[in-house]
Amino acid sequence: MATTNNIGSVTTPAPVHPACSSGTLGRHLARRLVEIGVRDVFSVPGDFNLTLLDHLIAEPNLNLVGCCNELNAGYAADGYARAKGVGACVVTFTVGGLSVINAIAGAYSENLPVICIVGGPNSNDYGTNRILHHTIGLPDFSQELRCFQTVTCNQAVVNNLDDAHELIDTAISTALKESKPVYISIGCNLPGIPHPTFGRDPVPFFLAPKVSNQLGLEAAVEAAAEFLNKAVKPVLVGGPKLRVTAQDISTMIRCGQRTIIFLINNGGYTIEVEIHDGPYNVIKNWDYTALVDAIHNGEGKCWTAKVRTEDELTEAIATATGAQKDSLCFIEVFVHKDDTSKELLEWGSRVSAANGRPPNPQ
């Protein structure tokens, strides 16, 4: 076994102690994830991936993080890949895979190696013309694969053990080499079955390390810092997008995260308003702090606040970084719906003009 300092380079061997039968597909996949530097796997259970999840949980160097839905799991893996170099998520066939695909597409556009693992149909069901539950109602099991082919750099459908080792290793190594997400589907009846190719430790990945231009990196950081320091009106991101992300605040509280979250509440989609306004840009306002309090439900450490003035914001930040520094802090900041910069107004006008161009003459 080996540990990874950064994506694409493998360094000093580090043994991983077996926690289950060492010759199984599930064990091999778990060890591979550890070898490339994955320590947290984001998952949503479904009947096609439950046995596989057992093997991931059994690996002492992996932490399985349960998410509220597949899209959240995919975005968590995206963020993990940005921070750690490579991320992984595990979902179930079709109903989970088609849900996570938007996050995988985002990782593809951002050049992030995310290992998207799907618990697939029983290997005996291929070619039987059966219609499975949680699918789109067709006996062809390739719908999900065809969707992922456009947003991943490699796809592995593992429905027999003879080539499983090669398919899994090729997919993972391709993700590392190309810095793009990959799709791995594993038949739900296969993770616990031994096979000779899984009886030994995986051959370490020896990939050429990516060389960073240190001077260029330092110059870029300095330029970015100088730009932000001169900003008169720094940008804070928030608003109605919380309607998805709020679900996994429960996961953050359960895992003891001490994050400070700012929700900028302007009552709607200001960017879209500046492009083309209409009633569809106004959303029903929620009591967001009450929602977070309900999710908290007295279990774990969580603190919320609503602020409407600069003084209230200053006081809330002081509390979040002081008395409540050991809590997940959620601060809802109310701003006027038309509070925006002249740069955004100009940008919206230009986008509106570009979108509204008439068709060229035929």
Protein backbone atom coordinates (compact mmCIF):
# COMPACT_ATOMS: atom_id res chain seq x y z
CA MET A 1 0.00 0.00 0.00
CA ALA A 2 1.05 3.60 -0.38
CA THR A 3 0.07 7.07 0.65
CA THR A 4 -0.32 10.07 -1.60
CA ASN A 5 1.07 13.56 -1.09
CA ASN A 6 -0.69 14.98 -4.10
CA ILE A 7 -2.69 13.78 -7.02
CA GLY A 8 -0.65 11.77 -9.42
CA SER A 9 2.29 10.92 -7.16
CA VAL A 10 2.61 7.98 -4.81
CA THR A 11 5.22 7.99 -2.08
CA THR A 12 6.14 5.95 0.98
CA PRO A 13 4.31 2.60 1.35
CA ALA A 14 1.86 2.55 4.26
CA PRO A 15 0.19 -0.73 5.23
CA VAL A 16 -3.59 -0.90 5.45
CA HIS A 17 -4.70 -3.56 7.89
CA PRO A 18 -7.45 -5.81 6.54
CA ALA A 19 -10.81 -5.59 8.25
CA CYS A 20 -12.61 -8.19 6.16
CA SER A 21 -11.83 -10.87 3.61
CA SER A 22 -8.81 -9.49 1.77
CA GLY A 23 -9.60 -11.19 -1.51
CA THR A 24 -12.91 -9.52 -2.36
CA LEU A 25 -13.83 -6.87 -4.87
CA GLY A 26 -15.20 -4.58 -2.17
CA ARG A 27 -12.00 -4.88 -0.17
CA HIS A 28 -9.90 -4.13 -3.25
CA LEU A 29 -11.89 -1.00 -4.08
CA ALA A 30 -11.65 0.23 -0.48
CA ARG A 31 -7.86 -0.24 -0.47
CA ARG A 32 -7.54 1.52 -3.82
CA LEU A 33 -9.39 4.56 -2.50
CA VAL A 34 -7.12 4.69 0.54
CA GLU A 35 -4.05 4.31 -1.64
CA ILE A 36 -4.86 7.34 -3.77
CA GLY A 37 -5.47 9.53 -0.73
CA VAL A 38 -9.23 9.26 -0.14
CA ARG A 39 -10.14 9.16 3.54
CA ASP A 40 -13.78 10.29 3.40
CA VAL A 41 -16.34 8.80 1.01
CA PHE A 42 -19.67 10.57 0.57
CA SER A 43 -22.62 8.25 0.13
CA VAL A 44 -26.36 7.72 -0.01
CA PRO A 45 -27.52 4.15 0.66
CA GLY A 46 -29.73 2.27 -1.79
CA ASP A 47 -30.46 -1.40 -2.18
CA PHE A 48 -27.95 -1.84 -5.03
CA ASN A 49 -24.98 -0.47 -3.04
CA LEU A 50 -25.58 -1.70 0.51
CA THR A 51 -23.19 -4.66 0.39
CA LEU A 52 -20.51 -2.45 -1.15
CA LEU A 53 -20.99 0.09 1.64
CA ASP A 54 -20.37 -2.72 4.15
CA HIS A 55 -16.91 -3.24 2.67
CA LEU A 56 -16.10 0.47 2.64
CA ILE A 57 -17.14 0.80 6.28
CA ALA A 58 -14.95 -2.18 7.16
CA GLU A 59 -11.85 -0.38 5.88
CA PRO A 60 -10.34 1.32 8.97
CA ASN A 61 -8.74 4.09 6.91
CA LEU A 62 -12.01 5.15 5.29
CA ASN A 63 -14.75 7.26 6.83
CA LEU A 64 -18.18 6.90 5.26
CA VAL A 65 -20.10 10.20 5.35
CA GLY A 66 -23.83 9.74 4.81
CA CYS A 67 -25.45 12.58 2.85
CA CYS A 68 -29.09 13.62 2.56
CA ASN A 69 -29.24 13.11 -1.20
CA GLU A 70 -27.03 12.08 -4.09
CA LEU A 71 -26.50 15.56 -5.49
CA ASN A 72 -25.18 16.71 -2.13
CA ALA A 73 -22.87 13.68 -2.01
CA GLY A 74 -21.52 14.58 -5.44
CA TYR A 75 -20.88 18.20 -4.50
CA ALA A 76 -19.22 17.08 -1.26
CA ALA A 77 -16.89 14.85 -3.29
CA ASP A 78 -16.26 17.80 -5.60
CA GLY A 79 -15.23 19.98 -2.66
CA TYR A 80 -13.13 17.19 -1.20
CA ALA A 81 -11.28 16.80 -4.50
CA ARG A 82 -10.52 20.53 -4.52
CA ALA A 83 -9.08 20.33 -1.00
CA LYS A 84 -7.42 16.90 -1.03
CA GLY A 85 -6.67 16.19 -4.69
CA VAL A 86 -9.21 13.42 -5.31
CA GLY A 87 -12.73 12.68 -4.05
CA ALA A 88 -15.19 9.80 -4.11
CA CYS A 89 -18.93 9.29 -3.77
CA VAL A 90 -21.09 6.15 -3.73
CA VAL A 91 -24.72 6.07 -4.87
CA THR A 92 -27.22 3.51 -6.12
CA PHE A 93 -28.20 2.62 -9.68
CA THR A 94 -30.16 5.10 -11.84
CA VAL A 95 -32.29 6.78 -9.17
CA GLY A 96 -29.02 7.75 -7.47
CA GLY A 97 -26.75 7.94 -10.48
CA LEU A 98 -28.98 10.29 -12.44
CA SER A 99 -29.33 12.46 -9.34
CA VAL A 100 -25.57 12.81 -8.79
CA ILE A 101 -24.73 13.45 -12.44
CA ASN A 102 -25.04 17.23 -12.29
CA ALA A 103 -22.31 17.38 -9.64
CA ILE A 104 -20.15 15.03 -11.70
CA ALA A 105 -20.63 17.24 -14.74
CA GLY A 106 -19.47 20.20 -12.66
CA ALA A 107 -16.38 18.27 -11.57
CA TYR A 108 -15.69 17.45 -15.22
CA SER A 109 -15.82 21.11 -16.21
CA GLU A 110 -13.55 22.01 -13.28
CA ASN A 111 -11.00 19.24 -14.00
CA LEU A 112 -11.54 17.47 -10.69
CA PRO A 113 -10.82 13.74 -10.26
CA VAL A 114 -13.96 12.43 -8.57
CA ILE A 115 -14.48 8.66 -8.38
CA CYS A 116 -18.24 8.19 -8.83
CA ILE A 117 -19.13 4.66 -7.71
CA VAL A 118 -22.56 3.24 -8.41
CA GLY A 119 -23.99 0.06 -6.97
CA GLY A 120 -25.33 -1.58 -10.12
CA PRO A 121 -27.82 -4.34 -10.95
CA ASN A 122 -27.20 -7.95 -10.06
CA SER A 123 -24.81 -9.42 -12.62
CA ASN A 124 -27.38 -12.10 -13.47
CA ASP A 125 -29.90 -9.49 -14.59
CA TYR A 126 -27.91 -8.29 -17.60
CA GLY A 127 -29.46 -9.52 -20.82
CA THR A 128 -32.58 -10.96 -19.16
CA ASN A 129 -34.95 -8.27 -20.48
CA ARG A 130 -36.07 -7.59 -16.91
CA ILE A 131 -37.34 -4.21 -15.77
CA LEU A 132 -35.80 -3.18 -12.46
CA HIS A 133 -37.21 -0.86 -9.82
CA HIS A 134 -35.79 2.65 -9.47
CA THR A 135 -35.01 2.81 -13.18
CA ILE A 136 -36.72 4.58 -16.09
CA GLY A 137 -38.71 1.46 -16.91
CA LEU A 138 -36.66 -0.03 -19.73
CA PRO A 139 -34.92 -3.44 -19.77
CA ASP A 140 -31.79 -1.80 -21.18
CA PHE A 141 -29.47 -1.10 -18.26
CA SER A 142 -27.17 1.20 -20.23
CA GLN A 143 -29.17 4.43 -19.88
CA GLU A 144 -27.15 5.61 -16.89
CA LEU A 145 -23.85 4.65 -18.53
CA ARG A 146 -24.69 6.62 -21.67
CA CYS A 147 -25.44 9.70 -19.56
CA PHE A 148 -22.11 9.47 -17.73
CA GLN A 149 -20.11 8.94 -20.93
CA THR A 150 -20.38 12.65 -21.72
CA VAL A 151 -19.20 13.91 -18.30
CA THR A 152 -16.53 11.38 -17.27
CA CYS A 153 -13.18 10.44 -18.79
CA ASN A 154 -13.58 6.70 -18.20
CA GLN A 155 -16.47 4.36 -17.49
CA ALA A 156 -16.21 0.88 -15.94
CA VAL A 157 -19.21 -1.44 -15.72
CA VAL A 158 -18.19 -4.33 -13.48
CA ASN A 159 -20.58 -7.25 -13.84
CA ASN A 160 -18.09 -10.14 -13.63
CA LEU A 161 -15.05 -10.74 -11.46
CA ASP A 162 -12.58 -11.80 -14.12
CA ASP A 163 -11.92 -8.29 -15.42
CA ALA A 164 -13.08 -6.31 -12.37
CA HIS A 165 -9.53 -5.65 -11.12
CA GLU A 166 -8.44 -4.26 -14.49
CA LEU A 167 -11.57 -2.17 -15.02
CA ILE A 168 -11.42 -0.57 -11.57
CA ASP A 169 -7.70 0.16 -11.71
CA THR A 170 -7.92 1.58 -15.24
CA ALA A 171 -10.77 3.89 -14.24
CA ILE A 172 -9.03 5.20 -11.11
CA SER A 173 -5.66 5.67 -12.80
CA THR A 174 -7.36 7.49 -15.69
CA ALA A 175 -9.05 9.87 -13.24
CA LEU A 176 -5.68 10.66 -11.70
CA LYS A 177 -3.87 11.09 -15.01
CA GLU A 178 -6.52 13.22 -16.71
CA SER A 179 -7.79 15.00 -13.58
CA LYS A 180 -11.39 14.27 -14.51
CA PRO A 181 -14.20 12.27 -12.88
CA VAL A 182 -14.79 8.61 -13.71
CA TYR A 183 -17.80 6.31 -13.42
CA ILE A 184 -17.56 2.84 -11.85
CA SER A 185 -20.65 0.62 -11.69
CA ILE A 186 -20.35 -2.52 -9.57
CA GLY A 187 -22.93 -5.31 -9.63
CA CYS A 188 -24.70 -5.48 -6.27
CA ASN A 189 -23.94 -9.21 -5.85
CA LEU A 190 -20.18 -8.92 -6.43
CA PRO A 191 -18.49 -6.91 -3.61
CA GLY A 192 -18.23 -9.81 -1.16
CA ILE A 193 -17.09 -12.53 -3.57
CA PRO A 194 -13.39 -13.53 -3.42
CA HIS A 195 -11.30 -13.73 -6.60
CA PRO A 196 -7.61 -14.53 -7.07
CA THR A 197 -6.85 -11.12 -8.57
CA PHE A 198 -7.89 -9.46 -5.30
CA GLY A 199 -5.82 -11.70 -3.05
CA ARG A 200 -2.77 -9.43 -3.03
CA ASP A 201 -2.22 -5.79 -2.19
CA PRO A 202 -2.92 -3.58 -5.20
CA VAL A 203 0.04 -2.63 -7.33
CA PRO A 204 0.84 1.00 -6.35
CA PHE A 205 0.06 3.71 -8.85
CA PHE A 206 3.27 5.31 -10.06
CA LEU A 207 2.13 8.36 -11.94
CA ALA A 208 4.31 11.30 -12.89
CA PRO A 209 3.73 14.03 -10.29
CA LYS A 210 2.19 17.28 -11.46
CA VAL A 211 4.80 19.99 -11.23
CA SER A 212 3.62 23.32 -9.86
CA ASN A 213 5.15 26.57 -11.07
CA GLN A 214 5.88 27.96 -7.63
CA LEU A 215 6.81 31.46 -8.80
CA GLY A 216 3.72 31.66 -10.99
CA LEU A 217 1.55 30.42 -8.13
CA GLU A 218 2.95 33.00 -5.72
CA ALA A 219 2.46 35.77 -8.28
CA ALA A 220 -1.15 34.69 -8.84
CA VAL A 221 -1.88 34.63 -5.11
CA GLU A 222 -0.36 38.08 -4.64
CA ALA A 223 -2.35 39.48 -7.56
CA ALA A 224 -5.58 37.99 -6.25
CA ALA A 225 -4.94 39.28 -2.73
CA GLU A 226 -4.15 42.76 -4.04
CA PHE A 227 -7.36 42.76 -6.09
CA LEU A 228 -9.52 41.64 -3.15
CA ASN A 229 -7.90 44.08 -0.74
CA LYS A 230 -8.83 46.95 -3.04
CA ALA A 231 -12.43 45.81 -3.41
CA VAL A 232 -14.94 48.38 -2.26
CA LYS A 233 -17.81 45.90 -2.18
CA PRO A 234 -16.61 42.31 -1.62
CA VAL A 235 -18.91 39.60 -2.95
CA LEU A 236 -20.65 37.21 -0.55
CA VAL A 237 -22.49 34.24 -2.00
CA GLY A 238 -25.76 33.00 -0.55
CA GLY A 239 -29.47 33.36 -1.12
CA PRO A 240 -32.05 30.78 -2.17
CA LYS A 241 -29.45 28.19 -3.18
CA LEU A 242 -29.57 27.14 0.48
CA ARG A 243 -32.77 25.23 -0.36
CA VAL A 244 -30.53 22.32 -1.41
CA THR A 245 -27.52 22.81 0.76
CA ALA A 246 -29.60 23.25 3.91
CA GLN A 247 -30.29 19.53 4.00
CA ASP A 248 -26.68 18.66 4.68
CA ILE A 249 -26.34 21.16 7.51
CA SER A 250 -27.60 18.17 9.50
CA THR A 251 -24.56 16.20 8.31
CA MET A 252 -22.26 19.08 9.22
CA ILE A 253 -23.72 19.25 12.73
CA ARG A 254 -23.54 15.47 13.14
CA CYS A 255 -19.88 15.47 12.09
CA GLY A 256 -19.01 18.34 14.45
CA GLN A 257 -18.14 20.90 11.77
CA ARG A 258 -17.31 24.36 13.14
CA THR A 259 -18.10 26.26 9.97
CA ILE A 260 -19.45 29.81 9.77
CA ILE A 261 -22.17 30.01 7.10
CA PHE A 262 -23.44 33.36 5.81
CA LEU A 263 -26.78 33.35 4.02
CA ILE A 264 -27.33 36.57 2.07
CA ASN A 265 -31.11 36.87 1.91
CA ASN A 266 -32.30 39.29 -0.78
CA GLY A 267 -35.60 37.57 -1.45
CA GLY A 268 -34.90 36.34 -4.95
CA TYR A 269 -32.55 35.87 -7.89
CA THR A 270 -30.91 39.28 -8.28
CA ILE A 271 -28.58 38.22 -11.08
CA GLU A 272 -31.49 36.99 -13.16
CA VAL A 273 -33.43 40.19 -12.35
CA GLU A 274 -30.69 42.27 -13.94
CA ILE A 275 -30.80 40.12 -17.08
CA HIS A 276 -34.56 39.83 -17.51
CA ASP A 277 -37.02 40.51 -14.71
CA GLY A 278 -40.27 38.74 -14.06
CA PRO A 279 -42.37 37.22 -11.25
CA TYR A 280 -40.38 33.98 -11.51
CA ASN A 281 -37.39 35.78 -9.97
CA VAL A 282 -39.20 36.28 -6.67
CA ILE A 283 -39.12 33.35 -4.25
CA LYS A 284 -41.15 32.54 -1.15
CA ASN A 285 -39.10 33.75 1.77
CA TRP A 286 -38.30 31.11 4.38
CA ASP A 287 -37.36 31.55 8.00
CA TYR A 288 -33.91 30.13 7.28
CA THR A 289 -32.54 30.35 10.80
CA ALA A 290 -35.63 28.57 12.12
CA LEU A 291 -35.05 25.87 9.51
CA VAL A 292 -31.48 25.39 10.70
CA ASP A 293 -32.67 25.37 14.33
CA ALA A 294 -35.18 22.66 13.41
CA ILE A 295 -32.46 20.61 11.72
CA HIS A 296 -30.24 21.11 14.78
CA ASN A 297 -33.00 19.94 17.14
CA GLY A 298 -30.81 20.30 20.21
CA GLU A 299 -28.32 17.64 19.07
CA GLY A 300 -24.77 18.86 18.56
CA LYS A 301 -23.46 22.40 18.64
CA CYS A 302 -25.20 24.99 16.48
CA TRP A 303 -25.81 28.74 16.79
CA THR A 304 -27.92 30.95 14.53
CA ALA A 305 -28.47 34.69 14.15
CA LYS A 306 -30.38 37.15 11.97
CA VAL A 307 -28.72 40.47 11.15
CA ARG A 308 -30.07 43.55 9.42
CA THR A 309 -27.47 46.22 10.20
CA GLU A 310 -23.70 46.57 10.04
CA ASP A 311 -23.45 46.68 13.84
CA GLU A 312 -25.50 43.49 14.17
CA LEU A 313 -23.26 41.77 11.62
CA THR A 314 -20.12 42.84 13.47
CA GLU A 315 -21.56 41.55 16.73
CA ALA A 316 -22.62 38.23 15.14
CA ILE A 317 -19.16 37.66 13.65
CA ALA A 318 -17.59 38.39 17.03
CA THR A 319 -19.86 35.83 18.67
CA ALA A 320 -19.23 33.22 15.94
CA THR A 321 -15.47 33.58 16.31
CA GLY A 322 -15.59 33.92 20.10
CA ALA A 323 -18.20 32.46 22.42
CA GLN A 324 -19.59 30.13 19.72
CA LYS A 325 -16.32 29.21 18.02
CA ASP A 326 -16.88 25.51 18.79
CA SER A 327 -20.30 25.52 17.09
CA LEU A 328 -21.55 25.48 13.54
CA CYS A 329 -22.64 29.11 13.13
CA PHE A 330 -25.35 30.15 10.70
CA ILE A 331 -25.79 33.90 10.13
CA GLU A 332 -28.65 35.15 7.95
CA VAL A 333 -27.90 38.60 6.52
CA PHE A 334 -30.87 40.56 5.17
CA VAL A 335 -30.18 42.93 2.26
CA HIS A 336 -32.46 44.89 -0.04
CA LYS A 337 -33.50 43.06 -3.20
CA ASP A 338 -32.00 45.84 -5.36
CA ASP A 339 -28.73 46.06 -3.44
CA THR A 340 -26.24 45.32 -6.19
CA SER A 341 -23.17 46.77 -7.86
CA LYS A 342 -23.01 48.86 -11.02
CA GLU A 343 -20.77 46.16 -12.47
CA LEU A 344 -23.58 43.61 -12.12
CA LEU A 345 -26.06 46.04 -13.65
CA GLU A 346 -23.77 46.53 -16.66
CA TRP A 347 -23.13 42.79 -16.94
CA GLY A 348 -26.85 42.01 -16.80
CA SER A 349 -27.55 44.51 -19.56
CA ARG A 350 -24.89 42.99 -21.78
CA VAL A 351 -26.10 39.44 -21.19
CA SER A 352 -29.67 40.51 -21.93
CA ALA A 353 -28.56 42.06 -25.20
CA ALA A 354 -26.52 38.98 -26.14
CA ASN A 355 -29.35 36.59 -25.31
CA GLY A 356 -31.85 38.66 -27.26
CA ARG A 357 -30.01 38.73 -30.59
CA PRO A 358 -32.34 37.78 -33.47
CA PRO A 359 -31.51 34.76 -35.64
CA ASN A 360 -29.05 35.35 -38.47
CA PRO A 361 -30.61 35.50 -41.96
CA GLN A 362 -30.71 32.07 -43.60
